């Protein structure tokens, strides 16, 4: 085995292989973690390394989920979250 360091200066990788047992659970968890803590937590998965067969459907699914999020006043019940840092 080869030693590998995945420290990317706070840009935590989320590695997804084509043989993931439950793709939908993986997508849901990845999405939740990606937007947790308003983007301010250094261990949030901000880089995705996706095996080629999953790339297109997974990116499309994550993009659709992101487009459905309603950002706004965190005290407004109609919003899903407050401001997101980038």
PDB file of N, CA and C in Angstrom:
ATOM      1  N   UNK A   1       0.833  -1.175   0.000  1.00  0.00           N
ATOM      2  CA  UNK A   1       0.000   0.000   0.000  1.00  0.00           C
ATOM      3  C   UNK A   1       0.879   1.241   0.000  1.00  0.00           C
ATOM      4  N   UNK A   2       0.381   2.285  -0.604  1.00  0.00           N
ATOM      5  CA  UNK A   2       1.111   3.543  -0.677  1.00  0.00           C
ATOM      6  C   UNK A   2       0.502   4.521   0.319  1.00  0.00           C
ATOM      7  N   UNK A   3       1.359   5.237   1.014  1.00  0.00           N
ATOM      8  CA  UNK A   3       0.858   6.248   1.945  1.00  0.00           C
ATOM      9  C   UNK A   3       0.323   7.441   1.157  1.00  0.00           C
ATOM     10  N   UNK A   4      -0.829   7.928   1.603  1.00  0.00           N
ATOM     11  CA  UNK A   4      -1.469   9.054   0.931  1.00  0.00           C
ATOM     12  C   UNK A   4      -1.927  10.042   1.984  1.00  0.00           C
ATOM     13  N   UNK A   5      -1.701  11.318   1.748  1.00  0.00           N
ATOM     14  CA  UNK A   5      -2.202  12.368   2.634  1.00  0.00           C
ATOM     15  C   UNK A   5      -3.254  13.158   1.873  1.00  0.00           C
ATOM     16  N   UNK A   6      -4.450  13.251   2.427  1.00  0.00           N
ATOM     17  CA  UNK A   6      -5.536  13.948   1.753  1.00  0.00           C
ATOM     18  C   UNK A   6      -5.833  15.311   2.364  1.00  0.00           C
ATOM     19  N   UNK A   7      -4.890  15.875   3.085  1.00  0.00           N
ATOM     20  CA  UNK A   7      -5.086  17.210   3.652  1.00  0.00           C
ATOM     21  C   UNK A   7      -4.992  18.224   2.515  1.00  0.00           C
ATOM     22  N   UNK A   8      -6.061  18.948   2.297  1.00  0.00           N
ATOM     23  CA  UNK A   8      -6.102  19.902   1.198  1.00  0.00           C
ATOM     24  C   UNK A   8      -6.356  21.313   1.726  1.00  0.00           C
ATOM     25  N   UNK A   9      -5.806  21.625   2.870  1.00  0.00           N
ATOM     26  CA  UNK A   9      -5.951  22.969   3.404  1.00  0.00           C
ATOM     27  C   UNK A   9      -7.375  23.327   3.744  1.00  0.00           C
ATOM     28  N   UNK A  10      -8.111  22.415   4.345  1.00  0.00           N
ATOM     29  CA  UNK A  10      -9.490  22.695   4.705  1.00  0.00           C
ATOM     30  C   UNK A  10     -10.468  22.382   3.593  1.00  0.00           C
ATOM     31  N   UNK A  11      -9.993  21.848   2.507  1.00  0.00           N
ATOM     32  CA  UNK A  11     -10.867  21.462   1.401  1.00  0.00           C
ATOM     33  C   UNK A  11     -11.004  19.950   1.410  1.00  0.00           C
ATOM     34  N   UNK A  12     -11.842  19.473   2.300  1.00  0.00           N
ATOM     35  CA  UNK A  12     -11.967  18.035   2.553  1.00  0.00           C
ATOM     36  C   UNK A  12     -12.556  17.304   1.352  1.00  0.00           C
ATOM     37  N   UNK A  13     -11.915  16.215   0.933  1.00  0.00           N
ATOM     38  CA  UNK A  13     -12.437  15.459  -0.204  1.00  0.00           C
ATOM     39  C   UNK A  13     -13.545  14.502   0.215  1.00  0.00           C
ATOM     40  N   UNK A  14     -14.489  14.345  -0.649  1.00  0.00           N
ATOM     41  CA  UNK A  14     -15.552  13.363  -0.492  1.00  0.00           C
ATOM     42  C   UNK A  14     -15.372  12.406  -1.662  1.00  0.00           C
ATOM     43  N   UNK A  15     -14.907  11.197  -1.394  1.00  0.00           N
ATOM     44  CA  UNK A  15     -14.584  10.227  -2.439  1.00  0.00           C
ATOM     45  C   UNK A  15     -15.729   9.247  -2.570  1.00  0.00           C
ATOM     46  N   UNK A  16     -16.276   9.135  -3.775  1.00  0.00           N
ATOM     47  CA  UNK A  16     -17.428   8.258  -4.004  1.00  0.00           C
ATOM     48  C   UNK A  16     -17.093   7.294  -5.139  1.00  0.00           C
ATOM     49  N   UNK A  17     -17.128   6.009  -4.817  1.00  0.00           N
ATOM     50  CA  UNK A  17     -16.841   4.970  -5.796  1.00  0.00           C
ATOM     51  C   UNK A  17     -18.132   4.404  -6.371  1.00  0.00           C
ATOM     52  N   UNK A  18     -18.034   3.825  -7.562  1.00  0.00           N
ATOM     53  CA  UNK A  18     -19.206   3.301  -8.267  1.00  0.00           C
ATOM     54  C   UNK A  18     -19.869   2.135  -7.535  1.00  0.00           C
ATOM     55  N   UNK A  19     -19.149   1.471  -6.652  1.00  0.00           N
ATOM     56  CA  UNK A  19     -19.745   0.326  -5.954  1.00  0.00           C
ATOM     57  C   UNK A  19     -20.348   0.716  -4.605  1.00  0.00           C
ATOM     58  N   UNK A  20     -20.654   1.992  -4.416  1.00  0.00           N
ATOM     59  CA  UNK A  20     -21.272   2.427  -3.160  1.00  0.00           C
ATOM     60  C   UNK A  20     -22.572   1.633  -2.961  1.00  0.00           C
ATOM     61  N   UNK A  21     -22.780   1.056  -1.774  1.00  0.00           N
ATOM     62  CA  UNK A  21     -23.948   0.187  -1.578  1.00  0.00           C
ATOM     63  C   UNK A  21     -25.292   0.912  -1.644  1.00  0.00           C
ATOM     64  N   UNK A  22     -25.350   2.163  -1.206  1.00  0.00           N
ATOM     65  CA  UNK A  22     -26.610   2.900  -1.206  1.00  0.00           C
ATOM     66  C   UNK A  22     -26.331   4.310  -1.714  1.00  0.00           C
ATOM     67  N   UNK A  23     -26.452   4.492  -3.025  1.00  0.00           N
ATOM     68  CA  UNK A  23     -26.110   5.774  -3.647  1.00  0.00           C
ATOM     69  C   UNK A  23     -26.977   6.914  -3.120  1.00  0.00           C
ATOM     70  N   UNK A  24     -28.259   6.673  -2.946  1.00  0.00           N
ATOM     71  CA  UNK A  24     -29.146   7.742  -2.472  1.00  0.00           C
ATOM     72  C   UNK A  24     -28.759   8.195  -1.065  1.00  0.00           C
ATOM     73  N   UNK A  25     -28.443   7.265  -0.189  1.00  0.00           N
ATOM     74  CA  UNK A  25     -27.998   7.628   1.164  1.00  0.00           C
ATOM     75  C   UNK A  25     -26.691   8.417   1.101  1.00  0.00           C
ATOM     76  N   UNK A  26     -25.816   8.019   0.204  1.00  0.00           N
ATOM     77  CA  UNK A  26     -24.539   8.724   0.015  1.00  0.00           C
ATOM     78  C   UNK A  26     -24.788  10.158  -0.456  1.00  0.00           C
ATOM     79  N   UNK A  27     -25.688  10.328  -1.412  1.00  0.00           N
ATOM     80  CA  UNK A  27     -26.009  11.664  -1.932  1.00  0.00           C
ATOM     81  C   UNK A  27     -26.621  12.524  -0.825  1.00  0.00           C
ATOM     82  N   UNK A  28     -27.560  11.970  -0.078  1.00  0.00           N
ATOM     83  CA  UNK A  28     -28.214  12.722   0.995  1.00  0.00           C
ATOM     84  C   UNK A  28     -27.212  13.168   2.052  1.00  0.00           C
ATOM     85  N   UNK A  29     -26.350  12.259   2.479  1.00  0.00           N
ATOM     86  CA  UNK A  29     -25.362  12.600   3.503  1.00  0.00           C
ATOM     87  C   UNK A  29     -24.344  13.608   2.982  1.00  0.00           C
ATOM     88  N   UNK A  30     -23.881  13.412   1.764  1.00  0.00           N
ATOM     89  CA  UNK A  30     -22.920  14.344   1.165  1.00  0.00           C
ATOM     90  C   UNK A  30     -23.518  15.745   1.086  1.00  0.00           C
ATOM     91  N   UNK A  31     -24.779  15.828   0.669  1.00  0.00           N
ATOM     92  CA  UNK A  31     -25.427  17.129   0.543  1.00  0.00           C
ATOM     93  C   UNK A  31     -25.568  17.812   1.901  1.00  0.00           C
ATOM     94  N   UNK A  32     -26.035  17.054   2.890  1.00  0.00           N
ATOM     95  CA  UNK A  32     -26.189  17.622   4.239  1.00  0.00           C
ATOM     96  C   UNK A  32     -24.859  18.142   4.776  1.00  0.00           C
ATOM     97  N   UNK A  33     -23.813  17.345   4.620  1.00  0.00           N
ATOM     98  CA  UNK A  33     -22.505  17.752   5.134  1.00  0.00           C
ATOM     99  C   UNK A  33     -21.925  18.930   4.369  1.00  0.00           C
ATOM    100  N   UNK A  34     -22.183  18.983   3.070  1.00  0.00           N
ATOM    101  CA  UNK A  34     -21.631  20.049   2.234  1.00  0.00           C
ATOM    102  C   UNK A  34     -22.165  21.421   2.655  1.00  0.00           C
ATOM    103  N   UNK A  35     -23.395  21.475   3.112  1.00  0.00           N
ATOM    104  CA  UNK A  35     -23.997  22.757   3.461  1.00  0.00           C
ATOM    105  C   UNK A  35     -24.141  22.966   4.968  1.00  0.00           C
ATOM    106  N   UNK A  36     -23.585  22.064   5.758  1.00  0.00           N
ATOM    107  CA  UNK A  36     -23.651  22.218   7.213  1.00  0.00           C
ATOM    108  C   UNK A  36     -22.781  23.382   7.664  1.00  0.00           C
ATOM    109  N   UNK A  37     -23.128  23.992   8.743  1.00  0.00           N
ATOM    110  CA  UNK A  37     -22.327  25.066   9.346  1.00  0.00           C
ATOM    111  C   UNK A  37     -22.087  26.239   8.396  1.00  0.00           C
ATOM    112  N   UNK A  38     -22.963  26.457   7.449  1.00  0.00           N
ATOM    113  CA  UNK A  38     -22.894  27.580   6.494  1.00  0.00           C
ATOM    114  C   UNK A  38     -21.601  27.608   5.678  1.00  0.00           C
ATOM    115  N   UNK A  39     -20.919  26.476   5.536  1.00  0.00           N
ATOM    116  CA  UNK A  39     -19.685  26.433   4.768  1.00  0.00           C
ATOM    117  C   UNK A  39     -18.464  26.859   5.557  1.00  0.00           C
ATOM    118  N   UNK A  40     -18.604  27.015   6.878  1.00  0.00           N
ATOM    119  CA  UNK A  40     -17.508  27.526   7.692  1.00  0.00           C
ATOM    120  C   UNK A  40     -16.722  26.442   8.430  1.00  0.00           C
ATOM    121  N   UNK A  41     -17.108  25.202   8.320  1.00  0.00           N
ATOM    122  CA  UNK A  41     -16.415  24.122   9.027  1.00  0.00           C
ATOM    123  C   UNK A  41     -15.367  23.519   8.093  1.00  0.00           C
ATOM    124  N   UNK A  42     -14.126  23.438   8.555  1.00  0.00           N
ATOM    125  CA  UNK A  42     -13.031  23.026   7.673  1.00  0.00           C
ATOM    126  C   UNK A  42     -13.127  21.575   7.224  1.00  0.00           C
ATOM    127  N   UNK A  43     -13.922  20.763   7.876  1.00  0.00           N
ATOM    128  CA  UNK A  43     -14.028  19.357   7.472  1.00  0.00           C
ATOM    129  C   UNK A  43     -15.226  19.084   6.568  1.00  0.00           C
ATOM    130  N   UNK A  44     -15.907  20.119   6.120  1.00  0.00           N
ATOM    131  CA  UNK A  44     -17.022  19.901   5.201  1.00  0.00           C
ATOM    132  C   UNK A  44     -16.497  19.449   3.848  1.00  0.00           C
ATOM    133  N   UNK A  45     -17.188  18.507   3.204  1.00  0.00           N
ATOM    134  CA  UNK A  45     -16.715  18.023   1.908  1.00  0.00           C
ATOM    135  C   UNK A  45     -16.938  19.069   0.815  1.00  0.00           C
ATOM    136  N   UNK A  46     -15.885  19.763   0.461  1.00  0.00           N
ATOM    137  CA  UNK A  46     -15.991  20.803  -0.564  1.00  0.00           C
ATOM    138  C   UNK A  46     -15.367  20.374  -1.882  1.00  0.00           C
ATOM    139  N   UNK A  47     -14.748  19.226  -1.892  1.00  0.00           N
ATOM    140  CA  UNK A  47     -14.176  18.663  -3.123  1.00  0.00           C
ATOM    141  C   UNK A  47     -14.721  17.246  -3.269  1.00  0.00           C
ATOM    142  N   UNK A  48     -15.274  16.962  -4.423  1.00  0.00           N
ATOM    143  CA  UNK A  48     -15.819  15.641  -4.682  1.00  0.00           C
ATOM    144  C   UNK A  48     -14.931  14.913  -5.679  1.00  0.00           C
ATOM    145  N   UNK A  49     -14.520  13.712  -5.327  1.00  0.00           N
ATOM    146  CA  UNK A  49     -13.785  12.835  -6.227  1.00  0.00           C
ATOM    147  C   UNK A  49     -14.731  11.680  -6.519  1.00  0.00           C
ATOM    148  N   UNK A  50     -15.301  11.688  -7.720  1.00  0.00           N
ATOM    149  CA  UNK A  50     -16.387  10.770  -8.063  1.00  0.00           C
ATOM    150  C   UNK A  50     -15.933   9.849  -9.186  1.00  0.00           C
ATOM    151  N   UNK A  51     -16.101   8.556  -8.987  1.00  0.00           N
ATOM    152  CA  UNK A  51     -15.746   7.612 -10.037  1.00  0.00           C
ATOM    153  C   UNK A  51     -16.606   7.887 -11.275  1.00  0.00           C
ATOM    154  N   UNK A  52     -15.973   7.823 -12.432  1.00  0.00           N
ATOM    155  CA  UNK A  52     -16.577   8.257 -13.700  1.00  0.00           C
ATOM    156  C   UNK A  52     -18.015   7.777 -13.957  1.00  0.00           C
ATOM    157  N   UNK A  53     -18.363   6.492 -13.733  1.00  0.00           N
ATOM    158  CA  UNK A  53     -19.742   6.069 -14.038  1.00  0.00           C
ATOM    159  C   UNK A  53     -20.814   6.805 -13.220  1.00  0.00           C
ATOM    160  N   UNK A  54     -20.448   7.322 -12.069  1.00  0.00           N
ATOM    161  CA  UNK A  54     -21.417   8.015 -11.209  1.00  0.00           C
ATOM    162  C   UNK A  54     -21.420   9.525 -11.412  1.00  0.00           C
ATOM    163  N   UNK A  55     -20.416  10.047 -12.088  1.00  0.00           N
ATOM    164  CA  UNK A  55     -20.202  11.494 -12.115  1.00  0.00           C
ATOM    165  C   UNK A  55     -21.435  12.272 -12.584  1.00  0.00           C
ATOM    166  N   UNK A  56     -21.909  12.024 -13.779  1.00  0.00           N
ATOM    167  CA  UNK A  56     -23.032  12.800 -14.335  1.00  0.00           C
ATOM    168  C   UNK A  56     -24.291  12.711 -13.477  1.00  0.00           C
ATOM    169  N   UNK A  57     -24.769  11.509 -13.134  1.00  0.00           N
ATOM    170  CA  UNK A  57     -26.003  11.453 -12.336  1.00  0.00           C
ATOM    171  C   UNK A  57     -25.842  12.047 -10.940  1.00  0.00           C
ATOM    172  N   UNK A  58     -24.685  11.865 -10.330  1.00  0.00           N
ATOM    173  CA  UNK A  58     -24.488  12.374  -8.983  1.00  0.00           C
ATOM    174  C   UNK A  58     -24.422  13.897  -8.975  1.00  0.00           C
ATOM    175  N   UNK A  59     -23.705  14.477  -9.915  1.00  0.00           N
ATOM    176  CA  UNK A  59     -23.623  15.937  -9.995  1.00  0.00           C
ATOM    177  C   UNK A  59     -24.999  16.529 -10.300  1.00  0.00           C
ATOM    178  N   UNK A  60     -25.732  15.903 -11.184  1.00  0.00           N
ATOM    179  CA  UNK A  60     -27.087  16.390 -11.504  1.00  0.00           C
ATOM    180  C   UNK A  60     -27.983  16.347 -10.276  1.00  0.00           C
ATOM    181  N   UNK A  61     -27.893  15.268  -9.512  1.00  0.00           N
ATOM    182  CA  UNK A  61     -28.723  15.119  -8.302  1.00  0.00           C
ATOM    183  C   UNK A  61     -28.345  16.163  -7.251  1.00  0.00           C
ATOM    184  N   UNK A  62     -27.036  16.355  -7.011  1.00  0.00           N
ATOM    185  CA  UNK A  62     -26.600  17.354  -6.033  1.00  0.00           C
ATOM    186  C   UNK A  62     -26.997  18.762  -6.465  1.00  0.00           C
ATOM    187  N   UNK A  63     -26.875  19.052  -7.762  1.00  0.00           N
ATOM    188  CA  UNK A  63     -27.254  20.381  -8.268  1.00  0.00           C
ATOM    189  C   UNK A  63     -28.750  20.621  -8.087  1.00  0.00           C
ATOM    190  N   UNK A  64     -29.561  19.622  -8.372  1.00  0.00           N
ATOM    191  CA  UNK A  64     -31.017  19.762  -8.199  1.00  0.00           C
ATOM    192  C   UNK A  64     -31.362  19.996  -6.730  1.00  0.00           C
ATOM    193  N   UNK A  65     -30.679  19.294  -5.849  1.00  0.00           N
ATOM    194  CA  UNK A  65     -30.937  19.474  -4.424  1.00  0.00           C
ATOM    195  C   UNK A  65     -30.530  20.888  -3.985  1.00  0.00           C
ATOM    196  N   UNK A  66     -29.401  21.377  -4.481  1.00  0.00           N
ATOM    197  CA  UNK A  66     -28.939  22.718  -4.118  1.00  0.00           C
ATOM    198  C   UNK A  66     -29.890  23.791  -4.636  1.00  0.00           C
ATOM    199  N   UNK A  67     -30.410  23.593  -5.837  1.00  0.00           N
ATOM    200  CA  UNK A  67     -31.342  24.571  -6.406  1.00  0.00           C
ATOM    201  C   UNK A  67     -32.656  24.626  -5.639  1.00  0.00           C
ATOM    202  N   UNK A  68     -33.004  23.548  -4.953  1.00  0.00           N
ATOM    203  CA  UNK A  68     -34.264  23.491  -4.207  1.00  0.00           C
ATOM    204  C   UNK A  68     -34.172  24.146  -2.830  1.00  0.00           C
ATOM    205  N   UNK A  69     -32.961  24.404  -2.360  1.00  0.00           N
ATOM    206  CA  UNK A  69     -32.777  25.009  -1.036  1.00  0.00           C
ATOM    207  C   UNK A  69     -33.189  26.478  -1.080  1.00  0.00           C
ATOM    208  N   UNK A  70     -33.969  26.884  -0.096  1.00  0.00           N
ATOM    209  CA  UNK A  70     -34.391  28.278   0.004  1.00  0.00           C
ATOM    210  C   UNK A  70     -33.541  28.952   1.080  1.00  0.00           C
ATOM    211  N   UNK A  71     -32.674  29.857   0.634  1.00  0.00           N
ATOM    212  CA  UNK A  71     -31.849  30.623   1.574  1.00  0.00           C
ATOM    213  C   UNK A  71     -32.588  31.900   1.935  1.00  0.00           C
ATOM    214  N   UNK A  72     -32.444  32.299   3.165  1.00  0.00           N
ATOM    215  CA  UNK A  72     -33.101  33.523   3.602  1.00  0.00           C
ATOM    216  C   UNK A  72     -32.907  33.734   5.083  1.00  0.00           C
ATOM    217  N   UNK A  73     -33.805  34.481   5.649  1.00  0.00           N
ATOM    218  CA  UNK A  73     -33.763  34.765   7.078  1.00  0.00           C
ATOM    219  C   UNK A  73     -33.871  33.446   7.842  1.00  0.00           C
ATOM    220  N   UNK A  74     -32.885  33.120   8.671  1.00  0.00           N
ATOM    221  CA  UNK A  74     -32.929  31.845   9.374  1.00  0.00           C
ATOM    222  C   UNK A  74     -34.113  31.713  10.340  1.00  0.00           C
ATOM    223  N   UNK A  75     -34.757  32.821  10.673  1.00  0.00           N
ATOM    224  CA  UNK A  75     -35.918  32.774  11.564  1.00  0.00           C
ATOM    225  C   UNK A  75     -37.234  32.673  10.792  1.00  0.00           C
ATOM    226  N   UNK A  76     -37.157  32.743   9.474  1.00  0.00           N
ATOM    227  CA  UNK A  76     -38.342  32.624   8.626  1.00  0.00           C
ATOM    228  C   UNK A  76     -38.601  31.143   8.362  1.00  0.00           C
ATOM    229  N   UNK A  77     -39.756  30.627   8.736  1.00  0.00           N
ATOM    230  CA  UNK A  77     -40.048  29.204   8.522  1.00  0.00           C
ATOM    231  C   UNK A  77     -40.033  28.798   7.048  1.00  0.00           C
ATOM    232  N   UNK A  78     -40.166  29.760   6.135  1.00  0.00           N
ATOM    233  CA  UNK A  78     -40.163  29.442   4.705  1.00  0.00           C
ATOM    234  C   UNK A  78     -38.753  29.199   4.171  1.00  0.00           C
ATOM    235  N   UNK A  79     -37.725  29.590   4.914  1.00  0.00           N
ATOM    236  CA  UNK A  79     -36.353  29.383   4.428  1.00  0.00           C
ATOM    237  C   UNK A  79     -35.769  28.113   5.046  1.00  0.00           C
ATOM    238  N   UNK A  80     -34.923  27.455   4.254  1.00  0.00           N
ATOM    239  CA  UNK A  80     -34.269  26.231   4.721  1.00  0.00           C
ATOM    240  C   UNK A  80     -33.005  26.521   5.505  1.00  0.00           C
ATOM    241  N   UNK A  81     -32.349  27.620   5.173  1.00  0.00           N
ATOM    242  CA  UNK A  81     -31.099  27.984   5.857  1.00  0.00           C
ATOM    243  C   UNK A  81     -30.828  29.471   5.672  1.00  0.00           C
ATOM    244  N   UNK A  82     -29.928  29.966   6.519  1.00  0.00           N
ATOM    245  CA  UNK A  82     -29.495  31.347   6.401  1.00  0.00           C
ATOM    246  C   UNK A  82     -28.429  31.473   5.329  1.00  0.00           C
ATOM    247  N   UNK A  83     -27.649  32.510   5.404  1.00  0.00           N
ATOM    248  CA  UNK A  83     -26.628  32.777   4.392  1.00  0.00           C
ATOM    249  C   UNK A  83     -25.587  31.664   4.357  1.00  0.00           C
ATOM    250  N   UNK A  84     -25.092  31.351   3.160  1.00  0.00           N
ATOM    251  CA  UNK A  84     -24.038  30.342   2.963  1.00  0.00           C
ATOM    252  C   UNK A  84     -22.738  31.074   2.637  1.00  0.00           C
ATOM    253  N   UNK A  85     -21.676  30.736   3.352  1.00  0.00           N
ATOM    254  CA  UNK A  85     -20.362  31.329   3.078  1.00  0.00           C
ATOM    255  C   UNK A  85     -19.751  30.638   1.885  1.00  0.00           C
ATOM    256  N   UNK A  86     -18.854  31.323   1.216  1.00  0.00           N
ATOM    257  CA  UNK A  86     -18.096  30.668   0.126  1.00  0.00           C
ATOM    258  C   UNK A  86     -16.712  31.243   0.052  1.00  0.00           C
TER     259      UNK A  86
END
